[in-house]
Amino acid sequence: IKKTMINYALPEPGQVSIMVYDITGRKVTTLVNDRVDPGYYQVHWSGRDDLGRQVSAGVYFMRMNTPGFNFQQKVIFVR
């Protein structure tokens, strides 16, 4: 099973959201949407949407939002 691993760290407590979007900007899945304590974290995406369906191969965007920090990265999902 192929997975994308996302590592992140928080220096102080805060709300974290990590979501995956397709090339059209439609939300595919939410990986994290929670208040998180300071520390190092790891989350995996196995290429499934919010309903558990396998997504098509292609380009996706992972967006991470925390207080004071926003990040977006392109993810290429290959089957």
PDB file of N, CA and C in Angstrom:
ATOM      1  N   ILE A   1       0.856  -1.178   0.000  1.00  0.00           N
ATOM      2  CA  ILE A   1       0.000   0.000   0.000  1.00  0.00           C
ATOM      3  C   ILE A   1       0.896   1.234   0.000  1.00  0.00           C
ATOM      4  N   LYS A   2       0.674   2.097  -0.972  1.00  0.00           N
ATOM      5  CA  LYS A   2       1.447   3.330  -1.049  1.00  0.00           C
ATOM      6  C   LYS A   2       0.809   4.393  -0.170  1.00  0.00           C
ATOM      7  N   LYS A   3       1.668   5.145   0.531  1.00  0.00           N
ATOM      8  CA  LYS A   3       1.192   6.204   1.408  1.00  0.00           C
ATOM      9  C   LYS A   3       2.098   7.411   1.263  1.00  0.00           C
ATOM     10  N   THR A   4       1.525   8.568   1.464  1.00  0.00           N
ATOM     11  CA  THR A   4       2.297   9.795   1.577  1.00  0.00           C
ATOM     12  C   THR A   4       2.394  10.123   3.051  1.00  0.00           C
ATOM     13  N   MET A   5       3.605  10.348   3.522  1.00  0.00           N
ATOM     14  CA  MET A   5       3.815  10.642   4.927  1.00  0.00           C
ATOM     15  C   MET A   5       4.088  12.140   5.080  1.00  0.00           C
ATOM     16  N   ILE A   6       3.390  12.765   6.015  1.00  0.00           N
ATOM     17  CA  ILE A   6       3.543  14.187   6.285  1.00  0.00           C
ATOM     18  C   ILE A   6       4.010  14.345   7.724  1.00  0.00           C
ATOM     19  N   ASN A   7       5.166  14.975   7.897  1.00  0.00           N
ATOM     20  CA  ASN A   7       5.707  15.256   9.225  1.00  0.00           C
ATOM     21  C   ASN A   7       5.512  16.734   9.516  1.00  0.00           C
ATOM     22  N   TYR A   8       5.144  17.045  10.750  1.00  0.00           N
ATOM     23  CA  TYR A   8       5.037  18.449  11.136  1.00  0.00           C
ATOM     24  C   TYR A   8       5.296  18.590  12.632  1.00  0.00           C
ATOM     25  N   ALA A   9       5.632  19.811  13.024  1.00  0.00           N
ATOM     26  CA  ALA A   9       5.923  20.094  14.428  1.00  0.00           C
ATOM     27  C   ALA A   9       5.226  21.381  14.826  1.00  0.00           C
ATOM     28  N   LEU A  10       4.784  21.441  16.055  1.00  0.00           N
ATOM     29  CA  LEU A  10       4.171  22.643  16.604  1.00  0.00           C
ATOM     30  C   LEU A  10       4.952  23.093  17.828  1.00  0.00           C
ATOM     31  N   PRO A  11       5.360  24.367  17.870  1.00  0.00           N
ATOM     32  CA  PRO A  11       6.102  24.863  19.030  1.00  0.00           C
ATOM     33  C   PRO A  11       5.196  25.214  20.207  1.00  0.00           C
ATOM     34  N   GLU A  12       3.905  25.405  19.920  1.00  0.00           N
ATOM     35  CA  GLU A  12       2.949  25.737  20.978  1.00  0.00           C
ATOM     36  C   GLU A  12       1.594  25.158  20.610  1.00  0.00           C
ATOM     37  N   PRO A  13       0.680  25.014  21.565  1.00  0.00           N
ATOM     38  CA  PRO A  13      -0.635  24.439  21.253  1.00  0.00           C
ATOM     39  C   PRO A  13      -1.365  25.286  20.215  1.00  0.00           C
ATOM     40  N   GLY A  14      -2.138  24.620  19.376  1.00  0.00           N
ATOM     41  CA  GLY A  14      -2.912  25.365  18.392  1.00  0.00           C
ATOM     42  C   GLY A  14      -3.757  24.462  17.528  1.00  0.00           C
ATOM     43  N   GLN A  15      -4.684  25.076  16.818  1.00  0.00           N
ATOM     44  CA  GLN A  15      -5.553  24.373  15.878  1.00  0.00           C
ATOM     45  C   GLN A  15      -4.759  24.043  14.624  1.00  0.00           C
ATOM     46  N   VAL A  16      -4.820  22.796  14.189  1.00  0.00           N
ATOM     47  CA  VAL A  16      -4.120  22.354  12.985  1.00  0.00           C
ATOM     48  C   VAL A  16      -5.131  21.751  12.029  1.00  0.00           C
ATOM     49  N   SER A  17      -5.050  22.166  10.759  1.00  0.00           N
ATOM     50  CA  SER A  17      -5.829  21.481   9.730  1.00  0.00           C
ATOM     51  C   SER A  17      -4.899  21.127   8.587  1.00  0.00           C
ATOM     52  N   ILE A  18      -5.004  19.877   8.158  1.00  0.00           N
ATOM     53  CA  ILE A  18      -4.265  19.399   6.992  1.00  0.00           C
ATOM     54  C   ILE A  18      -5.291  18.737   6.089  1.00  0.00           C
ATOM     55  N   MET A  19      -5.436  19.295   4.893  1.00  0.00           N
ATOM     56  CA  MET A  19      -6.431  18.805   3.948  1.00  0.00           C
ATOM     57  C   MET A  19      -5.786  18.568   2.590  1.00  0.00           C
ATOM     58  N   VAL A  20      -6.384  17.669   1.826  1.00  0.00           N
ATOM     59  CA  VAL A  20      -5.909  17.361   0.482  1.00  0.00           C
ATOM     60  C   VAL A  20      -6.979  17.822  -0.496  1.00  0.00           C
ATOM     61  N   TYR A  21      -6.530  18.525  -1.555  1.00  0.00           N
ATOM     62  CA  TYR A  21      -7.418  19.051  -2.597  1.00  0.00           C
ATOM     63  C   TYR A  21      -6.988  18.512  -3.954  1.00  0.00           C
ATOM     64  N   ASP A  22      -7.950  18.352  -4.854  1.00  0.00           N
ATOM     65  CA  ASP A  22      -7.592  17.946  -6.213  1.00  0.00           C
ATOM     66  C   ASP A  22      -7.189  19.172  -7.029  1.00  0.00           C
ATOM     67  N   ILE A  23      -6.856  18.964  -8.273  1.00  0.00           N
ATOM     68  CA  ILE A  23      -6.340  20.025  -9.132  1.00  0.00           C
ATOM     69  C   ILE A  23      -7.380  21.124  -9.387  1.00  0.00           C
ATOM     70  N   THR A  24      -8.662  20.799  -9.221  1.00  0.00           N
ATOM     71  CA  THR A  24      -9.721  21.805  -9.425  1.00  0.00           C
ATOM     72  C   THR A  24     -10.021  22.588  -8.155  1.00  0.00           C
ATOM     73  N   GLY A  25      -9.371  22.219  -7.048  1.00  0.00           N
ATOM     74  CA  GLY A  25      -9.596  22.909  -5.780  1.00  0.00           C
ATOM     75  C   GLY A  25     -10.651  22.269  -4.904  1.00  0.00           C
ATOM     76  N   ARG A  26     -11.202  21.127  -5.342  1.00  0.00           N
ATOM     77  CA  ARG A  26     -12.208  20.414  -4.543  1.00  0.00           C
ATOM     78  C   ARG A  26     -11.515  19.641  -3.431  1.00  0.00           C
ATOM     79  N   LYS A  27     -12.035  19.765  -2.202  1.00  0.00           N
ATOM     80  CA  LYS A  27     -11.456  19.041  -1.071  1.00  0.00           C
ATOM     81  C   LYS A  27     -11.669  17.545  -1.262  1.00  0.00           C
ATOM     82  N   VAL A  28     -10.587  16.788  -1.139  1.00  0.00           N
ATOM     83  CA  VAL A  28     -10.632  15.340  -1.287  1.00  0.00           C
ATOM     84  C   VAL A  28     -10.775  14.677   0.082  1.00  0.00           C
ATOM     85  N   THR A  29      -9.956  15.118   1.033  1.00  0.00           N
ATOM     86  CA  THR A  29     -10.016  14.532   2.361  1.00  0.00           C
ATOM     87  C   THR A  29      -9.411  15.470   3.394  1.00  0.00           C
ATOM     88  N   THR A  30      -9.819  15.271   4.626  1.00  0.00           N
ATOM     89  CA  THR A  30      -9.253  15.978   5.767  1.00  0.00           C
ATOM     90  C   THR A  30      -8.405  14.983   6.539  1.00  0.00           C
ATOM     91  N   LEU A  31      -7.122  15.285   6.667  1.00  0.00           N
ATOM     92  CA  LEU A  31      -6.216  14.394   7.402  1.00  0.00           C
ATOM     93  C   LEU A  31      -6.140  14.759   8.874  1.00  0.00           C
ATOM     94  N   VAL A  32      -6.165  16.058   9.169  1.00  0.00           N
ATOM     95  CA  VAL A  32      -6.120  16.541  10.551  1.00  0.00           C
ATOM     96  C   VAL A  32      -7.002  17.773  10.637  1.00  0.00           C
ATOM     97  N   ASN A  33      -7.802  17.867  11.663  1.00  0.00           N
ATOM     98  CA  ASN A  33      -8.568  19.071  11.974  1.00  0.00           C
ATOM     99  C   ASN A  33      -8.846  19.043  13.470  1.00  0.00           C
ATOM    100  N   ASP A  34      -7.835  19.460  14.233  1.00  0.00           N
ATOM    101  CA  ASP A  34      -7.917  19.289  15.681  1.00  0.00           C
ATOM    102  C   ASP A  34      -6.990  20.269  16.385  1.00  0.00           C
ATOM    103  N   ARG A  35      -7.237  20.465  17.647  1.00  0.00           N
ATOM    104  CA  ARG A  35      -6.325  21.246  18.478  1.00  0.00           C
ATOM    105  C   ARG A  35      -5.206  20.297  18.910  1.00  0.00           C
ATOM    106  N   VAL A  36      -3.962  20.737  18.732  1.00  0.00           N
ATOM    107  CA  VAL A  36      -2.809  19.865  18.933  1.00  0.00           C
ATOM    108  C   VAL A  36      -1.855  20.499  19.944  1.00  0.00           C
ATOM    109  N   ASP A  37      -1.299  19.671  20.826  1.00  0.00           N
ATOM    110  CA  ASP A  37      -0.294  20.113  21.788  1.00  0.00           C
ATOM    111  C   ASP A  37       1.052  20.274  21.085  1.00  0.00           C
ATOM    112  N   PRO A  38       1.981  20.993  21.703  1.00  0.00           N
ATOM    113  CA  PRO A  38       3.311  21.131  21.111  1.00  0.00           C
ATOM    114  C   PRO A  38       3.954  19.757  20.920  1.00  0.00           C
ATOM    115  N   GLY A  39       4.714  19.613  19.843  1.00  0.00           N
ATOM    116  CA  GLY A  39       5.418  18.352  19.615  1.00  0.00           C
ATOM    117  C   GLY A  39       5.572  18.056  18.145  1.00  0.00           C
ATOM    118  N   TYR A  40       6.083  16.865  17.870  1.00  0.00           N
ATOM    119  CA  TYR A  40       6.314  16.388  16.509  1.00  0.00           C
ATOM    120  C   TYR A  40       5.236  15.370  16.159  1.00  0.00           C
ATOM    121  N   TYR A  41       4.731  15.466  14.938  1.00  0.00           N
ATOM    122  CA  TYR A  41       3.626  14.609  14.511  1.00  0.00           C
ATOM    123  C   TYR A  41       3.879  14.067  13.115  1.00  0.00           C
ATOM    124  N   GLN A  42       3.178  12.978  12.827  1.00  0.00           N
ATOM    125  CA  GLN A  42       3.263  12.338  11.526  1.00  0.00           C
ATOM    126  C   GLN A  42       1.859  11.877  11.146  1.00  0.00           C
ATOM    127  N   VAL A  43       1.463  12.169   9.918  1.00  0.00           N
ATOM    128  CA  VAL A  43       0.165  11.727   9.427  1.00  0.00           C
ATOM    129  C   VAL A  43       0.381  11.113   8.044  1.00  0.00           C
ATOM    130  N   HIS A  44      -0.435  10.101   7.718  1.00  0.00           N
ATOM    131  CA  HIS A  44      -0.302   9.394   6.437  1.00  0.00           C
ATOM    132  C   HIS A  44      -1.556   9.613   5.598  1.00  0.00           C
ATOM    133  N   TRP A  45      -1.349   9.691   4.287  1.00  0.00           N
ATOM    134  CA  TRP A  45      -2.470   9.697   3.351  1.00  0.00           C
ATOM    135  C   TRP A  45      -2.272   8.531   2.399  1.00  0.00           C
ATOM    136  N   SER A  46      -3.246   7.638   2.370  1.00  0.00           N
ATOM    137  CA  SER A  46      -3.147   6.426   1.549  1.00  0.00           C
ATOM    138  C   SER A  46      -3.825   6.577   0.197  1.00  0.00           C
ATOM    139  N   GLY A  47      -4.196   7.809  -0.171  1.00  0.00           N
ATOM    140  CA  GLY A  47      -4.812   8.015  -1.483  1.00  0.00           C
ATOM    141  C   GLY A  47      -6.305   7.760  -1.488  1.00  0.00           C
ATOM    142  N   ARG A  48      -6.938   7.933  -0.346  1.00  0.00           N
ATOM    143  CA  ARG A  48      -8.389   7.746  -0.264  1.00  0.00           C
ATOM    144  C   ARG A  48      -9.067   9.067   0.067  1.00  0.00           C
ATOM    145  N   ASP A  49     -10.311   9.201  -0.393  1.00  0.00           N
ATOM    146  CA  ASP A  49     -11.065  10.417  -0.102  1.00  0.00           C
ATOM    147  C   ASP A  49     -11.795  10.271   1.230  1.00  0.00           C
ATOM    148  N   ASP A  50     -12.605  11.279   1.581  1.00  0.00           N
ATOM    149  CA  ASP A  50     -13.326  11.257   2.860  1.00  0.00           C
ATOM    150  C   ASP A  50     -14.309  10.091   2.978  1.00  0.00           C
ATOM    151  N   LEU A  51     -14.728   9.527   1.837  1.00  0.00           N
ATOM    152  CA  LEU A  51     -15.667   8.402   1.854  1.00  0.00           C
ATOM    153  C   LEU A  51     -14.954   7.053   1.765  1.00  0.00           C
ATOM    154  N   GLY A  52     -13.607   7.076   1.764  1.00  0.00           N
ATOM    155  CA  GLY A  52     -12.848   5.833   1.724  1.00  0.00           C
ATOM    156  C   GLY A  52     -12.584   5.306   0.330  1.00  0.00           C
ATOM    157  N   ARG A  53     -12.959   6.067  -0.700  1.00  0.00           N
ATOM    158  CA  ARG A  53     -12.742   5.629  -2.085  1.00  0.00           C
ATOM    159  C   ARG A  53     -11.328   5.981  -2.532  1.00  0.00           C
ATOM    160  N   GLN A  54     -10.732   5.078  -3.296  1.00  0.00           N
ATOM    161  CA  GLN A  54      -9.399   5.319  -3.843  1.00  0.00           C
ATOM    162  C   GLN A  54      -9.471   6.437  -4.883  1.00  0.00           C
ATOM    163  N   VAL A  55      -8.564   7.414  -4.785  1.00  0.00           N
ATOM    164  CA  VAL A  55      -8.557   8.511  -5.752  1.00  0.00           C
ATOM    165  C   VAL A  55      -7.778   8.103  -6.995  1.00  0.00           C
ATOM    166  N   SER A  56      -7.977   8.836  -8.065  1.00  0.00           N
ATOM    167  CA  SER A  56      -7.253   8.590  -9.306  1.00  0.00           C
ATOM    168  C   SER A  56      -5.821   9.071  -9.179  1.00  0.00           C
ATOM    169  N   ALA A  57      -4.953   8.501  -9.997  1.00  0.00           N
ATOM    170  CA  ALA A  57      -3.585   8.996 -10.065  1.00  0.00           C
ATOM    171  C   ALA A  57      -3.626  10.424 -10.582  1.00  0.00           C
ATOM    172  N   GLY A  58      -2.734  11.265 -10.088  1.00  0.00           N
ATOM    173  CA  GLY A  58      -2.699  12.647 -10.554  1.00  0.00           C
ATOM    174  C   GLY A  58      -2.084  13.582  -9.540  1.00  0.00           C
ATOM    175  N   VAL A  59      -2.284  14.870  -9.791  1.00  0.00           N
ATOM    176  CA  VAL A  59      -1.721  15.917  -8.951  1.00  0.00           C
ATOM    177  C   VAL A  59      -2.750  16.350  -7.910  1.00  0.00           C
ATOM    178  N   TYR A  60      -2.300  16.451  -6.673  1.00  0.00           N
ATOM    179  CA  TYR A  60      -3.127  16.904  -5.564  1.00  0.00           C
ATOM    180  C   TYR A  60      -2.340  17.956  -4.790  1.00  0.00           C
ATOM    181  N   PHE A  61      -3.026  18.696  -3.947  1.00  0.00           N
ATOM    182  CA  PHE A  61      -2.380  19.711  -3.132  1.00  0.00           C
ATOM    183  C   PHE A  61      -2.708  19.462  -1.672  1.00  0.00           C
ATOM    184  N   MET A  62      -1.678  19.428  -0.839  1.00  0.00           N
ATOM    185  CA  MET A  62      -1.836  19.278   0.592  1.00  0.00           C
ATOM    186  C   MET A  62      -1.690  20.674   1.188  1.00  0.00           C
ATOM    187  N   ARG A  63      -2.690  21.091   1.975  1.00  0.00           N
ATOM    188  CA  ARG A  63      -2.651  22.397   2.626  1.00  0.00           C
ATOM    189  C   ARG A  63      -2.665  22.209   4.132  1.00  0.00           C
ATOM    190  N   MET A  64      -1.717  22.874   4.791  1.00  0.00           N
ATOM    191  CA  MET A  64      -1.637  22.840   6.247  1.00  0.00           C
ATOM    192  C   MET A  64      -1.832  24.255   6.761  1.00  0.00           C
ATOM    193  N   ASN A  65      -2.736  24.417   7.715  1.00  0.00           N
ATOM    194  CA  ASN A  65      -2.997  25.715   8.333  1.00  0.00           C
ATOM    195  C   ASN A  65      -2.890  25.580   9.845  1.00  0.00           C
ATOM    196  N   THR A  66      -2.110  26.493  10.434  1.00  0.00           N
ATOM    197  CA  THR A  66      -2.000  26.607  11.883  1.00  0.00           C
ATOM    198  C   THR A  66      -2.010  28.099  12.188  1.00  0.00           C
ATOM    199  N   PRO A  67      -2.201  28.479  13.432  1.00  0.00           N
ATOM    200  CA  PRO A  67      -2.120  29.903  13.751  1.00  0.00           C
ATOM    201  C   PRO A  67      -0.737  30.452  13.366  1.00  0.00           C
ATOM    202  N   GLY A  68      -0.721  31.416  12.484  1.00  0.00           N
ATOM    203  CA  GLY A  68       0.531  32.049  12.091  1.00  0.00           C
ATOM    204  C   GLY A  68       1.325  31.316  11.031  1.00  0.00           C
ATOM    205  N   PHE A  69       0.819  30.191  10.501  1.00  0.00           N
ATOM    206  CA  PHE A  69       1.571  29.439   9.500  1.00  0.00           C
ATOM    207  C   PHE A  69       0.612  28.756   8.545  1.00  0.00           C
ATOM    208  N   ASN A  70       0.795  28.998   7.255  1.00  0.00           N
ATOM    209  CA  ASN A  70       0.029  28.327   6.202  1.00  0.00           C
ATOM    210  C   ASN A  70       1.015  27.785   5.182  1.00  0.00           C
ATOM    211  N   PHE A  71       0.747  26.566   4.718  1.00  0.00           N
ATOM    212  CA  PHE A  71       1.683  25.896   3.822  1.00  0.00           C
ATOM    213  C   PHE A  71       0.903  25.071   2.821  1.00  0.00           C
ATOM    214  N   GLN A  72       1.357  25.081   1.572  1.00  0.00           N
ATOM    215  CA  GLN A  72       0.745  24.240   0.541  1.00  0.00           C
ATOM    216  C   GLN A  72       1.853  23.548  -0.227  1.00  0.00           C
ATOM    217  N   GLN A  73       1.636  22.252  -0.524  1.00  0.00           N
ATOM    218  CA  GLN A  73       2.619  21.498  -1.287  1.00  0.00           C
ATOM    219  C   GLN A  73       1.918  20.609  -2.293  1.00  0.00           C
ATOM    220  N   LYS A  74       2.509  20.516  -3.471  1.00  0.00           N
ATOM    221  CA  LYS A  74       1.987  19.639  -4.509  1.00  0.00           C
ATOM    222  C   LYS A  74       2.360  18.200  -4.177  1.00  0.00           C
ATOM    223  N   VAL A  75       1.396  17.292  -4.353  1.00  0.00           N
ATOM    224  CA  VAL A  75       1.609  15.869  -4.129  1.00  0.00           C
ATOM    225  C   VAL A  75       1.193  15.155  -5.396  1.00  0.00           C
ATOM    226  N   ILE A  76       2.060  14.319  -5.925  1.00  0.00           N
ATOM    227  CA  ILE A  76       1.710  13.536  -7.107  1.00  0.00           C
ATOM    228  C   ILE A  76       1.403  12.127  -6.637  1.00  0.00           C
ATOM    229  N   PHE A  77       0.151  11.713  -6.851  1.00  0.00           N
ATOM    230  CA  PHE A  77      -0.267  10.380  -6.435  1.00  0.00           C
ATOM    231  C   PHE A  77      -0.167   9.438  -7.628  1.00  0.00           C
ATOM    232  N   VAL A  78       0.634   8.389  -7.461  1.00  0.00           N
ATOM    233  CA  VAL A  78       0.860   7.409  -8.524  1.00  0.00           C
ATOM    234  C   VAL A  78       0.317   6.071  -8.051  1.00  0.00           C
ATOM    235  N   ARG A  79      -0.379   5.372  -8.923  1.00  0.00           N
ATOM    236  CA  ARG A  79      -0.906   4.053  -8.561  1.00  0.00           C
ATOM    237  C   ARG A  79       0.015   2.965  -9.010  1.00  0.00           C
TER     238      ARG A  79
END
